[in-house]
Amino acid sequence: MSGAGFPQPSRRTTLGLLGAVPLDGFPDEVARHVTVHQLLTHSSGLPDFTVQDPDDVKRVTHSVEEQTRFISTRTRLLKPAYTPGTDKTYSSSGYEILGELVATLSGLPFHEYVRRNRRRPPPGGGGRV
């Protein structure tokens, strides 16, 4: 779902798919070498944060904001398991980072950005999205 935010043009900035991810707090090997394209295609080398600590899956949060902060903190601890762009492995971490990137660039929480920008069928129904 995070990838859904990327076809929309940003009013504030143009983000290239091949550029490094412009978010603070990531280790150098992520900040300088992992691209948006690699996050979208599961080729960033980042492991899935949900399998790093089995207790993470059981964690209960009480708001979207608390869950977002927790995931943001966990993804910043990750280091690539292989050189970014050289292999593919499914990772929820990449999509969590993409969601944070959409929120940062749009100035809206990710769920609000999607609500405002999702494609809707034309009036009168019958249209396909």
Protein backbone atom coordinates (compact mmCIF):
# COMPACT_ATOMS: atom_id res chain seq x y z
CA MET A 1 0.00 0.00 0.00
CA SER A 2 2.88 2.39 0.66
CA GLY A 3 3.84 2.27 -2.98
CA ALA A 4 0.46 3.83 -3.79
CA GLY A 5 1.75 7.20 -2.65
CA PHE A 6 4.52 7.42 -5.20
CA PRO A 7 2.66 7.99 -8.48
CA GLN A 8 1.26 11.23 -7.03
CA PRO A 9 3.41 14.27 -7.73
CA SER A 10 4.53 16.20 -4.70
CA ARG A 11 3.99 19.94 -4.63
CA ARG A 12 7.07 20.48 -2.49
CA THR A 13 9.70 18.23 -4.01
CA THR A 14 10.43 15.81 -6.77
CA LEU A 15 11.72 12.50 -5.50
CA GLY A 16 13.69 10.32 -7.86
CA LEU A 17 13.27 6.57 -7.65
CA LEU A 18 17.02 6.06 -7.92
CA GLY A 19 18.04 8.60 -5.29
CA ALA A 20 18.85 7.76 -1.69
CA VAL A 21 16.01 7.86 0.82
CA PRO A 22 15.87 11.39 2.29
CA LEU A 23 15.02 10.52 5.91
CA ASP A 24 17.12 11.20 8.99
CA GLY A 25 18.45 8.71 11.51
CA PHE A 26 19.35 5.74 9.31
CA PRO A 27 22.79 4.11 9.41
CA ASP A 28 25.14 5.30 6.66
CA GLU A 29 24.88 2.05 4.68
CA VAL A 30 21.12 2.65 4.40
CA ALA A 31 21.02 6.45 4.13
CA ARG A 32 23.62 6.64 1.35
CA HIS A 33 23.00 3.42 -0.58
CA VAL A 34 19.35 2.32 -0.38
CA THR A 35 17.08 3.86 -3.02
CA VAL A 36 13.32 4.31 -3.25
CA HIS A 37 13.31 1.88 -6.18
CA GLN A 38 15.03 -0.77 -4.05
CA LEU A 39 12.47 -0.29 -1.27
CA LEU A 40 9.62 -0.64 -3.79
CA THR A 41 11.11 -3.79 -5.35
CA HIS A 42 12.29 -5.54 -2.15
CA SER A 43 15.91 -5.30 -3.25
CA SER A 44 17.17 -2.96 -0.50
CA GLY A 45 18.76 -5.75 1.51
CA LEU A 46 16.90 -4.62 4.62
CA PRO A 47 15.56 -7.52 6.65
CA ASP A 48 11.92 -7.60 7.65
CA PHE A 49 11.78 -5.86 11.03
CA THR A 50 8.89 -8.14 12.07
CA VAL A 51 11.17 -11.20 12.13
CA GLN A 52 14.08 -9.51 13.91
CA ASP A 53 12.45 -9.78 17.34
CA PRO A 54 9.52 -12.18 17.83
CA ASP A 55 8.14 -9.93 20.59
CA ASP A 56 7.61 -7.13 18.04
CA VAL A 57 4.72 -9.05 16.48
CA LYS A 58 3.03 -9.37 19.90
CA ARG A 59 3.51 -5.72 20.80
CA VAL A 60 0.28 -3.86 21.51
CA THR A 61 0.10 -0.17 20.70
CA HIS A 62 -2.76 2.16 21.52
CA SER A 63 -2.72 4.57 18.59
CA VAL A 64 -1.58 4.88 14.99
CA GLU A 65 0.98 7.45 16.14
CA GLU A 66 2.46 5.10 18.76
CA GLN A 67 2.69 2.26 16.24
CA THR A 68 4.28 4.58 13.66
CA ARG A 69 6.91 5.78 16.16
CA PHE A 70 7.71 2.20 17.19
CA ILE A 71 8.14 1.01 13.60
CA SER A 72 10.17 4.09 12.70
CA THR A 73 12.56 3.37 15.58
CA ARG A 74 12.85 -0.34 14.67
CA THR A 75 13.54 0.28 10.97
CA ARG A 76 16.37 2.69 11.84
CA LEU A 77 18.19 -0.15 13.62
CA LEU A 78 18.29 -2.33 10.49
CA LYS A 79 21.35 -2.88 8.34
CA PRO A 80 21.26 -4.47 4.89
CA ALA A 81 21.76 -8.24 4.86
CA TYR A 82 23.28 -7.92 1.37
CA THR A 83 24.49 -5.12 -0.89
CA PRO A 84 21.40 -3.11 -1.88
CA GLY A 85 20.25 -3.86 -5.43
CA THR A 86 22.03 -7.23 -5.76
CA ASP A 87 19.24 -9.57 -4.63
CA LYS A 88 15.53 -9.60 -3.74
CA THR A 89 13.91 -10.64 -0.48
CA TYR A 90 10.44 -9.65 0.72
CA SER A 91 10.63 -7.11 3.52
CA SER A 92 7.85 -5.19 5.23
CA SER A 93 10.55 -2.80 6.44
CA GLY A 94 10.91 -1.23 3.00
CA TYR A 95 7.22 -0.46 2.79
CA GLU A 96 7.19 0.96 6.32
CA ILE A 97 10.03 3.30 5.29
CA LEU A 98 8.15 4.23 2.10
CA GLY A 99 5.06 5.06 4.17
CA GLU A 100 7.16 7.31 6.39
CA LEU A 101 8.63 8.96 3.31
CA VAL A 102 5.17 9.65 1.85
CA ALA A 103 4.12 11.15 5.20
CA THR A 104 7.24 13.31 5.41
CA LEU A 105 6.96 14.63 1.85
CA SER A 106 3.20 15.19 1.95
CA GLY A 107 3.03 16.62 5.47
CA LEU A 108 0.18 14.20 6.27
CA PRO A 109 0.07 10.93 8.21
CA PHE A 110 0.29 8.12 5.65
CA HIS A 111 -3.26 6.86 6.25
CA GLU A 112 -4.62 10.38 5.75
CA TYR A 113 -2.59 10.87 2.57
CA VAL A 114 -4.02 7.65 1.10
CA ARG A 115 -7.56 8.59 2.12
CA ARG A 116 -7.27 11.95 0.37
CA ASN A 117 -5.47 10.73 -2.74
CA ARG A 118 -6.88 7.31 -3.54
CA ARG A 119 -8.53 6.90 -6.88
CA ARG A 120 -12.30 6.70 -6.79
CA PRO A 121 -14.72 5.32 -9.39
CA PRO A 122 -16.50 7.95 -11.48
CA PRO A 123 -19.90 9.21 -10.27
CA GLY A 124 -22.75 6.88 -11.21
CA GLY A 125 -20.81 3.71 -10.43
CA GLY A 126 -19.82 1.06 -12.85
CA GLY A 127 -16.29 2.40 -13.15
CA ARG A 128 -13.24 0.37 -12.30
CA VAL A 129 -10.35 1.68 -10.28
